[in-house]
Amino acid sequence: MTDQITGLSNDIDNAHTVEVLLSSLQAMDVEGAGAVLDDNLVYQNVGLPTIRGRARAMKLFRAMDGRAGFEVKIHRIAVNGSSVLTERTDALIFGPVRLQFWVCGVFEVSGGRITLWRDYFDVWDITKALVRGVAGAAIPALRPSL
């Protein structure tokens, strides 16, 4: 029974680590986000180039600061040991243009640090988000919200 309780505790800790990352990025707390990333992080947005290393991910996050906003709504989070899966809606905000789309994320957590972050999304969904985002910039009533 103790092993099951320990396993449940680790699962909760691993889910919390992912939630800390996403909420830190939403708050534009780059240092808070970096605190839960492993030095050897592998960050993949499937279909785009892979970012390797915490330093490179931090450089990307810092480049977004003041230029783009990020919001996230987690719909589901599931944990199996070190693997954390999220189903969520992400929003990237560039001035008046808000791109809002569905994302499935896979995270691997070891020792309280994220070693792998892989996001999957549908290109058609991103295309619709772009059209809706541009339309919402021109007509605020059409702007999506979480």
N, C-alpha and C. Protein backbone atom coordinates (compact mmCIF):
# COMPACT_ATOMS: atom_id res chain seq x y z
N MET A 1 0.82 -1.19 0.00
CA MET A 1 0.00 0.00 0.00
C MET A 1 0.86 1.25 0.00
N THR A 2 1.98 1.23 0.73
CA THR A 2 2.86 2.40 0.78
C THR A 2 3.39 2.75 -0.61
N ASP A 3 3.73 1.72 -1.42
CA ASP A 3 4.22 1.98 -2.77
C ASP A 3 3.15 2.66 -3.62
N GLN A 4 1.88 2.28 -3.44
CA GLN A 4 0.80 2.91 -4.19
C GLN A 4 0.64 4.37 -3.78
N ILE A 5 0.76 4.64 -2.49
CA ILE A 5 0.65 6.02 -2.00
C ILE A 5 1.81 6.84 -2.51
N THR A 6 3.03 6.27 -2.47
CA THR A 6 4.20 6.98 -2.99
C THR A 6 4.04 7.25 -4.47
N GLY A 7 3.55 6.26 -5.22
CA GLY A 7 3.33 6.44 -6.66
C GLY A 7 2.32 7.54 -6.94
N LEU A 8 1.24 7.57 -6.17
CA LEU A 8 0.22 8.61 -6.33
C LEU A 8 0.81 9.98 -6.02
N SER A 9 1.61 10.06 -4.99
CA SER A 9 2.26 11.33 -4.63
C SER A 9 3.18 11.81 -5.75
N ASN A 10 3.95 10.89 -6.34
CA ASN A 10 4.83 11.26 -7.46
C ASN A 10 4.02 11.72 -8.66
N ASP A 11 2.89 11.03 -8.94
CA ASP A 11 2.03 11.44 -10.05
C ASP A 11 1.53 12.87 -9.84
N ILE A 12 1.07 13.16 -8.63
CA ILE A 12 0.58 14.51 -8.32
C ILE A 12 1.70 15.53 -8.46
N ASP A 13 2.89 15.20 -7.97
CA ASP A 13 4.04 16.11 -8.09
C ASP A 13 4.38 16.36 -9.56
N ASN A 14 4.36 15.31 -10.38
CA ASN A 14 4.70 15.47 -11.80
C ASN A 14 3.66 16.32 -12.52
N ALA A 15 2.38 16.11 -12.22
CA ALA A 15 1.33 16.95 -12.82
C ALA A 15 1.52 18.40 -12.38
N HIS A 16 1.84 18.60 -11.12
CA HIS A 16 2.04 19.96 -10.60
C HIS A 16 3.22 20.64 -11.30
N THR A 17 4.27 19.91 -11.57
CA THR A 17 5.44 20.47 -12.28
C THR A 17 5.01 21.02 -13.64
N VAL A 18 4.20 20.27 -14.37
CA VAL A 18 3.72 20.72 -15.69
C VAL A 18 2.82 21.93 -15.52
N GLU A 19 1.95 21.91 -14.52
CA GLU A 19 1.07 23.06 -14.28
C GLU A 19 1.88 24.31 -13.93
N VAL A 20 2.97 24.15 -13.18
CA VAL A 20 3.84 25.28 -12.84
C VAL A 20 4.43 25.87 -14.11
N LEU A 21 4.91 25.01 -15.01
CA LEU A 21 5.49 25.50 -16.27
C LEU A 21 4.46 26.32 -17.04
N LEU A 22 3.29 25.74 -17.27
CA LEU A 22 2.29 26.42 -18.10
C LEU A 22 1.76 27.69 -17.45
N SER A 23 1.53 27.66 -16.15
CA SER A 23 1.03 28.87 -15.49
C SER A 23 2.11 29.94 -15.43
N SER A 24 3.37 29.55 -15.30
CA SER A 24 4.47 30.53 -15.31
C SER A 24 4.56 31.20 -16.67
N LEU A 25 4.44 30.43 -17.74
CA LEU A 25 4.48 31.02 -19.08
C LEU A 25 3.30 31.96 -19.29
N GLN A 26 2.14 31.57 -18.79
CA GLN A 26 0.97 32.44 -18.91
C GLN A 26 1.19 33.76 -18.17
N ALA A 27 1.83 33.69 -17.02
CA ALA A 27 2.10 34.90 -16.22
C ALA A 27 3.33 35.66 -16.72
N MET A 28 3.94 35.18 -17.79
CA MET A 28 5.19 35.74 -18.33
C MET A 28 6.30 35.74 -17.27
N ASP A 29 6.28 34.72 -16.42
CA ASP A 29 7.32 34.50 -15.42
C ASP A 29 8.32 33.52 -16.02
N VAL A 30 9.22 34.05 -16.83
CA VAL A 30 10.18 33.22 -17.55
C VAL A 30 11.07 32.45 -16.58
N GLU A 31 11.49 33.09 -15.51
CA GLU A 31 12.36 32.40 -14.54
C GLU A 31 11.61 31.28 -13.84
N GLY A 32 10.34 31.50 -13.52
CA GLY A 32 9.53 30.45 -12.91
C GLY A 32 9.38 29.26 -13.84
N ALA A 33 9.19 29.52 -15.12
CA ALA A 33 9.10 28.44 -16.10
C ALA A 33 10.43 27.70 -16.19
N GLY A 34 11.50 28.45 -16.23
CA GLY A 34 12.82 27.84 -16.34
C GLY A 34 13.20 26.98 -15.15
N ALA A 35 12.63 27.30 -14.00
CA ALA A 35 12.97 26.56 -12.77
C ALA A 35 12.53 25.11 -12.83
N VAL A 36 11.56 24.78 -13.68
CA VAL A 36 11.09 23.39 -13.77
C VAL A 36 11.57 22.69 -15.04
N LEU A 37 12.47 23.33 -15.78
CA LEU A 37 13.01 22.72 -16.99
C LEU A 37 14.38 22.12 -16.71
N ASP A 38 14.60 20.92 -17.21
CA ASP A 38 15.89 20.26 -17.10
C ASP A 38 16.89 20.90 -18.05
N ASP A 39 18.16 20.91 -17.68
CA ASP A 39 19.19 21.49 -18.54
C ASP A 39 19.22 20.82 -19.92
N ASN A 40 18.87 19.53 -19.98
CA ASN A 40 18.90 18.78 -21.23
C ASN A 40 17.50 18.62 -21.84
N LEU A 41 16.63 19.59 -21.60
CA LEU A 41 15.28 19.57 -22.13
C LEU A 41 15.26 19.33 -23.64
N VAL A 42 14.29 18.55 -24.07
CA VAL A 42 13.96 18.43 -25.49
C VAL A 42 12.54 18.99 -25.63
N TYR A 43 12.39 20.08 -26.41
CA TYR A 43 11.11 20.77 -26.58
C TYR A 43 10.74 20.68 -28.05
N GLN A 44 9.62 20.00 -28.32
CA GLN A 44 9.19 19.79 -29.70
C GLN A 44 7.75 20.27 -29.89
N ASN A 45 7.57 21.10 -30.88
CA ASN A 45 6.25 21.35 -31.43
C ASN A 45 6.26 20.55 -32.72
N VAL A 46 5.57 19.42 -32.71
CA VAL A 46 5.66 18.46 -33.81
C VAL A 46 5.41 19.17 -35.14
N GLY A 47 6.34 18.96 -36.05
CA GLY A 47 6.29 19.60 -37.36
C GLY A 47 7.19 20.82 -37.46
N LEU A 48 7.69 21.28 -36.31
CA LEU A 48 8.61 22.42 -36.27
C LEU A 48 9.97 21.94 -35.74
N PRO A 49 11.02 22.73 -35.90
CA PRO A 49 12.33 22.30 -35.40
C PRO A 49 12.32 22.07 -33.89
N THR A 50 13.06 21.06 -33.47
CA THR A 50 13.20 20.73 -32.05
C THR A 50 14.17 21.68 -31.37
N ILE A 51 13.81 22.12 -30.18
CA ILE A 51 14.69 22.97 -29.38
C ILE A 51 15.32 22.08 -28.33
N ARG A 52 16.62 22.08 -28.27
CA ARG A 52 17.35 21.22 -27.34
C ARG A 52 18.06 22.06 -26.30
N GLY A 53 17.76 21.78 -25.04
CA GLY A 53 18.44 22.46 -23.95
C GLY A 53 17.59 23.55 -23.32
N ARG A 54 17.71 23.63 -22.01
CA ARG A 54 16.99 24.65 -21.23
C ARG A 54 17.37 26.06 -21.69
N ALA A 55 18.65 26.28 -21.95
CA ALA A 55 19.12 27.62 -22.33
C ALA A 55 18.44 28.10 -23.61
N ARG A 56 18.29 27.23 -24.59
CA ARG A 56 17.65 27.62 -25.84
C ARG A 56 16.15 27.88 -25.66
N ALA A 57 15.51 27.06 -24.83
CA ALA A 57 14.08 27.28 -24.55
C ALA A 57 13.90 28.61 -23.83
N MET A 58 14.78 28.90 -22.87
CA MET A 58 14.69 30.17 -22.14
C MET A 58 14.89 31.36 -23.09
N LYS A 59 15.78 31.21 -24.04
CA LYS A 59 16.01 32.28 -25.02
C LYS A 59 14.73 32.54 -25.82
N LEU A 60 14.03 31.48 -26.20
CA LEU A 60 12.76 31.62 -26.92
C LEU A 60 11.73 32.32 -26.04
N PHE A 61 11.60 31.88 -24.79
CA PHE A 61 10.61 32.48 -23.89
C PHE A 61 10.92 33.96 -23.66
N ARG A 62 12.19 34.29 -23.49
CA ARG A 62 12.57 35.70 -23.27
C ARG A 62 12.28 36.54 -24.52
N ALA A 63 12.45 35.96 -25.69
CA ALA A 63 12.18 36.68 -26.94
C ALA A 63 10.69 37.00 -27.08
N MET A 64 9.84 36.15 -26.49
CA MET A 64 8.39 36.40 -26.54
C MET A 64 7.98 37.50 -25.57
N ASP A 65 8.73 37.70 -24.50
CA ASP A 65 8.36 38.64 -23.45
C ASP A 65 8.18 40.05 -24.03
N GLY A 66 6.99 40.59 -23.89
CA GLY A 66 6.69 41.92 -24.40
C GLY A 66 6.26 41.93 -25.85
N ARG A 67 6.46 40.83 -26.56
CA ARG A 67 6.09 40.75 -27.97
C ARG A 67 4.85 39.89 -28.20
N ALA A 68 4.67 38.90 -27.32
CA ALA A 68 3.55 37.98 -27.47
C ALA A 68 3.07 37.55 -26.10
N GLY A 69 1.79 37.29 -26.01
CA GLY A 69 1.22 36.78 -24.78
C GLY A 69 0.85 35.32 -24.96
N PHE A 70 0.65 34.63 -23.85
CA PHE A 70 0.29 33.22 -23.86
C PHE A 70 -0.76 32.97 -22.80
N GLU A 71 -1.80 32.27 -23.17
CA GLU A 71 -2.81 31.83 -22.21
C GLU A 71 -3.03 30.34 -22.43
N VAL A 72 -3.42 29.67 -21.37
CA VAL A 72 -3.65 28.23 -21.45
C VAL A 72 -4.85 27.85 -20.59
N LYS A 73 -5.62 26.92 -21.10
CA LYS A 73 -6.69 26.31 -20.32
C LYS A 73 -6.50 24.80 -20.44
N ILE A 74 -6.20 24.17 -19.30
CA ILE A 74 -6.02 22.71 -19.30
C ILE A 74 -7.40 22.07 -19.15
N HIS A 75 -7.75 21.23 -20.10
CA HIS A 75 -9.03 20.52 -20.06
C HIS A 75 -8.89 19.19 -19.31
N ARG A 76 -7.77 18.51 -19.56
CA ARG A 76 -7.50 17.23 -18.91
C ARG A 76 -6.00 17.10 -18.69
N ILE A 77 -5.67 16.45 -17.58
CA ILE A 77 -4.27 16.13 -17.31
C ILE A 77 -4.25 14.71 -16.76
N ALA A 78 -3.37 13.89 -17.31
CA ALA A 78 -3.27 12.49 -16.89
C ALA A 78 -1.80 12.16 -16.66
N VAL A 79 -1.57 11.34 -15.66
CA VAL A 79 -0.19 11.01 -15.29
C VAL A 79 -0.05 9.50 -15.20
N ASN A 80 1.06 9.01 -15.74
CA ASN A 80 1.45 7.62 -15.59
C ASN A 80 2.94 7.62 -15.29
N GLY A 81 3.26 7.61 -14.02
CA GLY A 81 4.67 7.66 -13.61
C GLY A 81 5.27 9.00 -13.99
N SER A 82 6.31 8.95 -14.80
CA SER A 82 7.01 10.18 -15.19
C SER A 82 6.36 10.89 -16.37
N SER A 83 5.38 10.24 -16.99
CA SER A 83 4.72 10.82 -18.17
C SER A 83 3.47 11.59 -17.76
N VAL A 84 3.37 12.81 -18.26
CA VAL A 84 2.21 13.66 -17.99
C VAL A 84 1.63 14.06 -19.35
N LEU A 85 0.33 13.82 -19.52
CA LEU A 85 -0.35 14.17 -20.76
C LEU A 85 -1.33 15.28 -20.47
N THR A 86 -1.37 16.27 -21.35
CA THR A 86 -2.34 17.35 -21.21
C THR A 86 -3.15 17.48 -22.48
N GLU A 87 -4.43 17.75 -22.31
CA GLU A 87 -5.28 18.20 -23.40
C GLU A 87 -5.66 19.60 -23.01
N ARG A 88 -5.39 20.56 -23.88
CA ARG A 88 -5.58 21.95 -23.48
C ARG A 88 -5.88 22.83 -24.68
N THR A 89 -6.31 24.04 -24.38
CA THR A 89 -6.44 25.08 -25.39
C THR A 89 -5.38 26.13 -25.07
N ASP A 90 -4.55 26.43 -26.05
CA ASP A 90 -3.54 27.47 -25.92
C ASP A 90 -3.97 28.68 -26.73
N ALA A 91 -3.55 29.84 -26.27
CA ALA A 91 -3.77 31.07 -27.03
C ALA A 91 -2.44 31.81 -27.11
N LEU A 92 -2.05 32.16 -28.32
CA LEU A 92 -0.90 33.03 -28.55
C LEU A 92 -1.45 34.38 -28.97
N ILE A 93 -1.00 35.42 -28.30
CA ILE A 93 -1.56 36.75 -28.51
C ILE A 93 -0.47 37.68 -29.03
N PHE A 94 -0.71 38.24 -30.19
CA PHE A 94 0.21 39.19 -30.82
C PHE A 94 -0.56 40.48 -31.03
N GLY A 95 -0.42 41.40 -30.07
CA GLY A 95 -1.20 42.64 -30.14
C GLY A 95 -2.68 42.31 -30.14
N PRO A 96 -3.41 42.80 -31.15
CA PRO A 96 -4.85 42.53 -31.20
C PRO A 96 -5.21 41.16 -31.80
N VAL A 97 -4.20 40.42 -32.28
CA VAL A 97 -4.46 39.12 -32.92
C VAL A 97 -4.26 38.00 -31.90
N ARG A 98 -5.31 37.23 -31.72
CA ARG A 98 -5.30 36.12 -30.75
C ARG A 98 -5.51 34.82 -31.50
N LEU A 99 -4.50 33.94 -31.46
CA LEU A 99 -4.60 32.62 -32.08
C LEU A 99 -4.89 31.62 -30.97
N GLN A 100 -6.03 30.99 -31.04
CA GLN A 100 -6.46 30.07 -30.00
C GLN A 100 -6.71 28.71 -30.64
N PHE A 101 -6.08 27.65 -30.08
CA PHE A 101 -6.15 26.34 -30.71
C PHE A 101 -5.94 25.21 -29.70
N TRP A 102 -6.39 24.03 -30.08
CA TRP A 102 -6.30 22.83 -29.27
C TRP A 102 -4.88 22.26 -29.36
N VAL A 103 -4.39 21.75 -28.23
CA VAL A 103 -3.04 21.16 -28.15
C VAL A 103 -3.09 19.93 -27.26
N CYS A 104 -2.38 18.90 -27.65
CA CYS A 104 -2.15 17.75 -26.78
C CYS A 104 -0.65 17.77 -26.46
N GLY A 105 -0.33 17.78 -25.18
CA GLY A 105 1.07 17.85 -24.77
C GLY A 105 1.50 16.60 -24.04
N VAL A 106 2.73 16.18 -24.32
CA VAL A 106 3.36 15.06 -23.64
C VAL A 106 4.58 15.62 -22.92
N PHE A 107 4.66 15.35 -21.64
CA PHE A 107 5.77 15.81 -20.83
C PHE A 107 6.39 14.61 -20.11
N GLU A 108 7.69 14.61 -19.99
CA GLU A 108 8.40 13.64 -19.15
C GLU A 108 9.03 14.44 -18.02
N VAL A 109 8.81 13.98 -16.80
CA VAL A 109 9.31 14.69 -15.62
C VAL A 109 10.22 13.75 -14.84
N SER A 110 11.39 14.26 -14.48
CA SER A 110 12.34 13.49 -13.68
C SER A 110 12.92 14.40 -12.60
N GLY A 111 12.77 13.99 -11.36
CA GLY A 111 13.32 14.78 -10.26
C GLY A 111 12.75 16.18 -10.18
N GLY A 112 11.49 16.36 -10.55
CA GLY A 112 10.85 17.67 -10.49
C GLY A 112 11.20 18.59 -11.66
N ARG A 113 11.88 18.04 -12.66
CA ARG A 113 12.26 18.83 -13.85
C ARG A 113 11.71 18.18 -15.11
N ILE A 114 11.28 19.01 -16.03
CA ILE A 114 10.74 18.53 -17.30
C ILE A 114 11.91 18.26 -18.24
N THR A 115 12.00 17.00 -18.69
CA THR A 115 13.08 16.61 -19.60
C THR A 115 12.61 16.58 -21.06
N LEU A 116 11.30 16.38 -21.25
CA LEU A 116 10.72 16.34 -22.59
C LEU A 116 9.40 17.10 -22.56
N TRP A 117 9.22 17.96 -23.55
CA TRP A 117 7.95 18.66 -23.75
C TRP A 117 7.65 18.56 -25.23
N ARG A 118 6.61 17.80 -25.56
CA ARG A 118 6.25 17.59 -26.96
C ARG A 118 4.79 17.96 -27.14
N ASP A 119 4.51 18.94 -27.98
CA ASP A 119 3.14 19.37 -28.26
C ASP A 119 2.72 18.93 -29.65
N TYR A 120 1.48 18.44 -29.71
CA TYR A 120 0.86 18.05 -30.97
C TYR A 120 -0.34 18.96 -31.20
N PHE A 121 -0.51 19.40 -32.42
CA PHE A 121 -1.66 20.23 -32.78
C PHE A 121 -1.98 20.01 -34.24
N ASP A 122 -3.16 20.41 -34.64
CA ASP A 122 -3.63 20.21 -35.99
C ASP A 122 -3.36 21.48 -36.81
N VAL A 123 -2.72 21.33 -37.94
CA VAL A 123 -2.39 22.48 -38.79
C VAL A 123 -3.66 23.18 -39.26
N TRP A 124 -4.70 22.43 -39.56
CA TRP A 124 -5.97 23.03 -39.98
C TRP A 124 -6.55 23.87 -38.85
N ASP A 125 -6.43 23.39 -37.62
CA ASP A 125 -6.91 24.13 -36.45
C ASP A 125 -6.13 25.44 -36.29
N ILE A 126 -4.82 25.39 -36.53
CA ILE A 126 -3.98 26.61 -36.46
C ILE A 126 -4.40 27.59 -37.56
N THR A 127 -4.68 27.07 -38.76
CA THR A 127 -5.10 27.93 -39.88
C THR A 127 -6.42 28.63 -39.54
N LYS A 128 -7.38 27.88 -39.00
CA LYS A 128 -8.65 28.49 -38.58
C LYS A 128 -8.42 29.52 -37.48
N ALA A 129 -7.49 29.22 -36.56
CA ALA A 129 -7.18 30.16 -35.47
C ALA A 129 -6.62 31.46 -36.03
N LEU A 130 -5.79 31.35 -37.06
CA LEU A 130 -5.21 32.54 -37.67
C LEU A 130 -6.30 33.39 -38.33
N VAL A 131 -7.18 32.76 -39.08
CA VAL A 131 -8.27 33.49 -39.74
C VAL A 131 -9.16 34.15 -38.69
N ARG A 132 -9.53 33.39 -37.67
CA ARG A 132 -10.39 33.94 -36.62
C ARG A 132 -9.68 35.04 -35.84
N GLY A 133 -8.37 34.86 -35.61
CA GLY A 133 -7.60 35.87 -34.88
C GLY A 133 -7.53 37.19 -35.63
N VAL A 134 -7.29 37.12 -36.94
CA VAL A 134 -7.23 38.34 -37.76
C VAL A 134 -8.62 38.99 -37.82
N ALA A 135 -9.66 38.18 -37.99
CA ALA A 135 -11.02 38.72 -38.01
C ALA A 135 -11.35 39.36 -36.67
N GLY A 136 -10.92 38.72 -35.58
CA GLY A 136 -11.17 39.26 -34.24
C GLY A 136 -10.42 40.56 -33.98
N ALA A 137 -9.27 40.73 -34.63
CA ALA A 137 -8.53 41.99 -34.49
C ALA A 137 -9.30 43.13 -35.15
N ALA A 138 -9.96 42.82 -36.27
CA ALA A 138 -10.73 43.84 -36.98
C ALA A 138 -12.12 44.05 -36.35
N ILE A 139 -12.70 42.96 -35.87
CA ILE A 139 -14.04 43.02 -35.27
C ILE A 139 -13.95 42.35 -33.88
N PRO A 140 -13.73 43.14 -32.84
CA PRO A 140 -13.49 42.58 -31.50
C PRO A 140 -14.54 41.59 -31.02
N ALA A 141 -15.76 41.69 -31.46
CA ALA A 141 -16.80 40.75 -31.03
C ALA A 141 -16.50 39.32 -31.50
N LEU A 142 -15.66 39.19 -32.53
CA LEU A 142 -15.29 37.86 -33.05
C LEU A 142 -14.05 37.28 -32.38
N ARG A 143 -13.42 38.07 -31.50
CA ARG A 143 -12.19 37.65 -30.85
C ARG A 143 -12.46 36.45 -29.94
N PRO A 144 -11.71 35.35 -30.11
CA PRO A 144 -11.92 34.19 -29.24
C PRO A 144 -11.42 34.46 -27.81
N SER A 145 -11.97 33.71 -26.87
CA SER A 145 -11.51 33.82 -25.48
C SER A 145 -11.57 32.45 -24.83
N LEU A 146 -10.75 32.26 -23.83
CA LEU A 146 -10.72 30.97 -23.13
C LEU A 146 -11.87 30.88 -22.16
